[in-house]
C-alpha cells in the first residue's frame, strides 16, 4: 500500500466527505436556529392580551366565556343577530306604514261609525 493513500490529511476523498459533512451540519444548525426562532415567535404571539370588546365580553359573561376565541364567537353571533333584527324591522316597518290617504280614510270611517253608533 501506498503511504500517500494512508495519510488522512492528504487523501482527497476524505477531504471531500469531510467538506460535505460540514456543509450538511451547517444546514442543520441553520434549520435548528430557524426552528428556535419560530418557537419564540409563537410563544410571544400567545402572550398577546385580548383587547376592547373581547375583554368586555369575557368580563361580562364571566364563567361562560373562558378565552378570546369564545369571546370572538359571541361577538360574531351578536353582530349577525343585530343585522338580522335591523333588516327585519326595516322591511316590516315599510309594510305596516300607512299612507296619508289611508289614514284619512281610516279616520273618516271611524267618525262615520261613531255617528252611526250615536244614532
C-alpha atoms as a PDB file:
ATOM      1  CA  UNK A   1       0.000   0.000   0.000  1.00  0.00           C
ATOM      2  CA  UNK A   2       0.965   3.497  -0.755  1.00  0.00           C
ATOM      3  CA  UNK A   3       1.719   5.734   2.224  1.00  0.00           C
ATOM      4  CA  UNK A   4       0.087   8.696   0.482  1.00  0.00           C
ATOM      5  CA  UNK A   5      -3.304   6.942   0.441  1.00  0.00           C
ATOM      6  CA  UNK A   6      -2.961   6.071   4.126  1.00  0.00           C
ATOM      7  CA  UNK A   7      -2.221   9.613   5.227  1.00  0.00           C
ATOM      8  CA  UNK A   8      -5.595  11.030   6.277  1.00  0.00           C
ATOM      9  CA  UNK A   9      -4.651  14.653   5.719  1.00  0.00           C
ATOM     10  CA  UNK A  10      -3.555  14.127   2.128  1.00  0.00           C
ATOM     11  CA  UNK A  11      -6.429  11.892   0.975  1.00  0.00           C
ATOM     12  CA  UNK A  12      -8.787  13.831  -1.353  1.00  0.00           C
ATOM     13  CA  UNK A  13     -11.811  11.566  -0.823  1.00  0.00           C
ATOM     14  CA  UNK A  14     -11.676  12.010   2.913  1.00  0.00           C
ATOM     15  CA  UNK A  15     -11.469  15.787   2.492  1.00  0.00           C
ATOM     16  CA  UNK A  16     -14.470  15.786   0.123  1.00  0.00           C
ATOM     17  CA  UNK A  17     -16.528  13.723   2.547  1.00  0.00           C
ATOM     18  CA  UNK A  18     -15.444  15.975   5.412  1.00  0.00           C
ATOM     19  CA  UNK A  19     -16.485  19.090   3.471  1.00  0.00           C
ATOM     20  CA  UNK A  20     -19.884  17.534   2.656  1.00  0.00           C
ATOM     21  CA  UNK A  21     -20.361  16.609   6.318  1.00  0.00           C
ATOM     22  CA  UNK A  22     -19.556  20.146   7.438  1.00  0.00           C
ATOM     23  CA  UNK A  23     -21.932  21.605   4.831  1.00  0.00           C
ATOM     24  CA  UNK A  24     -24.778  19.320   5.953  1.00  0.00           C
ATOM     25  CA  UNK A  25     -24.176  20.138   9.609  1.00  0.00           C
ATOM     26  CA  UNK A  26     -24.203  23.859   8.929  1.00  0.00           C
ATOM     27  CA  UNK A  27     -27.570  23.456   7.147  1.00  0.00           C
ATOM     28  CA  UNK A  28     -28.956  21.513  10.113  1.00  0.00           C
ATOM     29  CA  UNK A  29     -27.653  24.133  12.545  1.00  0.00           C
ATOM     30  CA  UNK A  30     -29.316  26.881  10.469  1.00  0.00           C
ATOM     31  CA  UNK A  31     -32.571  24.905  10.442  1.00  0.00           C
ATOM     32  CA  UNK A  32     -32.393  24.426  14.218  1.00  0.00           C
ATOM     33  CA  UNK A  33     -31.860  28.158  14.721  1.00  0.00           C
ATOM     34  CA  UNK A  34     -34.840  28.940  12.479  1.00  0.00           C
ATOM     35  CA  UNK A  35     -36.996  26.438  14.401  1.00  0.00           C
ATOM     36  CA  UNK A  36     -35.997  28.057  17.703  1.00  0.00           C
ATOM     37  CA  UNK A  37     -36.870  31.494  16.324  1.00  0.00           C
ATOM     38  CA  UNK A  38     -40.285  30.243  15.185  1.00  0.00           C
ATOM     39  CA  UNK A  39     -40.943  28.781  18.635  1.00  0.00           C
ATOM     40  CA  UNK A  40     -40.032  32.026  20.366  1.00  0.00           C
ATOM     41  CA  UNK A  41     -42.290  33.976  17.979  1.00  0.00           C
ATOM     42  CA  UNK A  42     -45.163  31.574  18.718  1.00  0.00           C
ATOM     43  CA  UNK A  43     -44.610  31.943  22.464  1.00  0.00           C
ATOM     44  CA  UNK A  44     -44.579  35.733  22.141  1.00  0.00           C
ATOM     45  CA  UNK A  45     -47.722  35.611  19.980  1.00  0.00           C
ATOM     46  CA  UNK A  46     -49.614  33.629  22.621  1.00  0.00           C
ATOM     47  CA  UNK A  47     -48.841  36.277  25.233  1.00  0.00           C
ATOM     48  CA  UNK A  48     -50.927  38.930  23.449  1.00  0.00           C
ATOM     49  CA  UNK A  49     -53.809  40.023  25.678  1.00  0.00           C
ATOM     50  CA  UNK A  50     -57.362  40.400  24.338  1.00  0.00           C
ATOM     51  CA  UNK A  51     -58.428  43.986  23.789  1.00  0.00           C
ATOM     52  CA  UNK A  52     -61.555  46.123  23.723  1.00  0.00           C
ATOM     53  CA  UNK A  53     -64.837  44.350  23.103  1.00  0.00           C
ATOM     54  CA  UNK A  54     -63.302  40.906  23.552  1.00  0.00           C
ATOM     55  CA  UNK A  55     -62.135  41.788  27.048  1.00  0.00           C
ATOM     56  CA  UNK A  56     -65.559  43.253  27.836  1.00  0.00           C
ATOM     57  CA  UNK A  57     -67.361  40.085  26.705  1.00  0.00           C
ATOM     58  CA  UNK A  58     -65.057  37.914  28.821  1.00  0.00           C
ATOM     59  CA  UNK A  59     -65.686  40.173  31.807  1.00  0.00           C
ATOM     60  CA  UNK A  60     -69.483  40.293  31.362  1.00  0.00           C
ATOM     61  CA  UNK A  61     -70.052  36.594  30.690  1.00  0.00           C
ATOM     62  CA  UNK A  62     -67.507  35.510  33.313  1.00  0.00           C
ATOM     63  CA  UNK A  63     -67.612  31.721  33.532  1.00  0.00           C
ATOM     64  CA  UNK A  64     -69.357  31.093  30.224  1.00  0.00           C
ATOM     65  CA  UNK A  65     -66.699  32.689  28.036  1.00  0.00           C
ATOM     66  CA  UNK A  66     -63.256  31.476  29.038  1.00  0.00           C
ATOM     67  CA  UNK A  67     -60.915  32.648  26.290  1.00  0.00           C
ATOM     68  CA  UNK A  68     -60.510  35.127  23.462  1.00  0.00           C
ATOM     69  CA  UNK A  69     -61.745  32.737  20.771  1.00  0.00           C
ATOM     70  CA  UNK A  70     -65.042  32.114  22.566  1.00  0.00           C
ATOM     71  CA  UNK A  71     -65.467  35.850  23.129  1.00  0.00           C
ATOM     72  CA  UNK A  72     -64.957  36.491  19.426  1.00  0.00           C
ATOM     73  CA  UNK A  73     -67.610  33.872  18.624  1.00  0.00           C
ATOM     74  CA  UNK A  74     -70.051  35.609  20.989  1.00  0.00           C
ATOM     75  CA  UNK A  75     -69.342  38.933  19.280  1.00  0.00           C
ATOM     76  CA  UNK A  76     -69.859  37.368  15.852  1.00  0.00           C
ATOM     77  CA  UNK A  77     -73.227  35.874  16.863  1.00  0.00           C
ATOM     78  CA  UNK A  78     -74.267  39.215  18.383  1.00  0.00           C
ATOM     79  CA  UNK A  79     -73.349  41.028  15.167  1.00  0.00           C
ATOM     80  CA  UNK A  80     -75.278  38.589  12.980  1.00  0.00           C
ATOM     81  CA  UNK A  81     -78.362  38.835  15.229  1.00  0.00           C
ATOM     82  CA  UNK A  82     -78.186  42.632  15.263  1.00  0.00           C
ATOM     83  CA  UNK A  83     -78.014  42.841  11.480  1.00  0.00           C
ATOM     84  CA  UNK A  84     -80.872  40.347  11.108  1.00  0.00           C
ATOM     85  CA  UNK A  85     -83.139  42.220  13.526  1.00  0.00           C
ATOM     86  CA  UNK A  86     -82.343  45.541  11.838  1.00  0.00           C
ATOM     87  CA  UNK A  87     -83.166  44.206   8.390  1.00  0.00           C
ATOM     88  CA  UNK A  88     -86.400  42.613   9.615  1.00  0.00           C
ATOM     89  CA  UNK A  89     -87.523  45.810  11.319  1.00  0.00           C
ATOM     90  CA  UNK A  90     -86.797  47.876   8.246  1.00  0.00           C
ATOM     91  CA  UNK A  91     -88.775  45.643   5.918  1.00  0.00           C
ATOM     92  CA  UNK A  92     -91.690  45.078   8.326  1.00  0.00           C
ATOM     93  CA  UNK A  93     -91.929  48.778   9.057  1.00  0.00           C
ATOM     94  CA  UNK A  94     -92.437  49.541   5.371  1.00  0.00           C
ATOM     95  CA  UNK A  95     -95.319  47.069   5.125  1.00  0.00           C
ATOM     96  CA  UNK A  96     -97.121  48.418   8.174  1.00  0.00           C
ATOM     97  CA  UNK A  97     -96.775  52.087   7.303  1.00  0.00           C
ATOM     98  CA  UNK A  98     -99.946  53.736   6.103  1.00  0.00           C
ATOM     99  CA  UNK A  99    -100.034  56.431   3.525  1.00  0.00           C
ATOM    100  CA  UNK A 100    -101.606  59.779   4.376  1.00  0.00           C
ATOM    101  CA  UNK A 101    -104.670  58.920   2.278  1.00  0.00           C
ATOM    102  CA  UNK A 102    -105.164  55.628   4.117  1.00  0.00           C
ATOM    103  CA  UNK A 103    -105.015  57.423   7.470  1.00  0.00           C
ATOM    104  CA  UNK A 104    -107.612  59.973   6.326  1.00  0.00           C
ATOM    105  CA  UNK A 105    -109.892  57.196   5.113  1.00  0.00           C
ATOM    106  CA  UNK A 106    -109.483  55.342   8.408  1.00  0.00           C
ATOM    107  CA  UNK A 107    -110.347  58.481  10.377  1.00  0.00           C
ATOM    108  CA  UNK A 108    -113.409  59.087   8.209  1.00  0.00           C
ATOM    109  CA  UNK A 109    -114.536  55.500   8.712  1.00  0.00           C
ATOM    110  CA  UNK A 110    -114.101  55.798  12.475  1.00  0.00           C
ATOM    111  CA  UNK A 111    -116.047  59.071  12.512  1.00  0.00           C
ATOM    112  CA  UNK A 112    -118.801  57.521  10.408  1.00  0.00           C
ATOM    113  CA  UNK A 113    -119.032  54.543  12.795  1.00  0.00           C
ATOM    114  CA  UNK A 114    -119.204  56.875  15.799  1.00  0.00           C
ATOM    115  CA  UNK A 115    -122.006  58.889  14.192  1.00  0.00           C
ATOM    116  CA  UNK A 116    -123.855  55.729  13.262  1.00  0.00           C
ATOM    117  CA  UNK A 117    -123.478  54.295  16.782  1.00  0.00           C
ATOM    118  CA  UNK A 118    -124.727  57.537  18.332  1.00  0.00           C
ATOM    119  CA  UNK A 119    -127.899  57.496  16.234  1.00  0.00           C
END
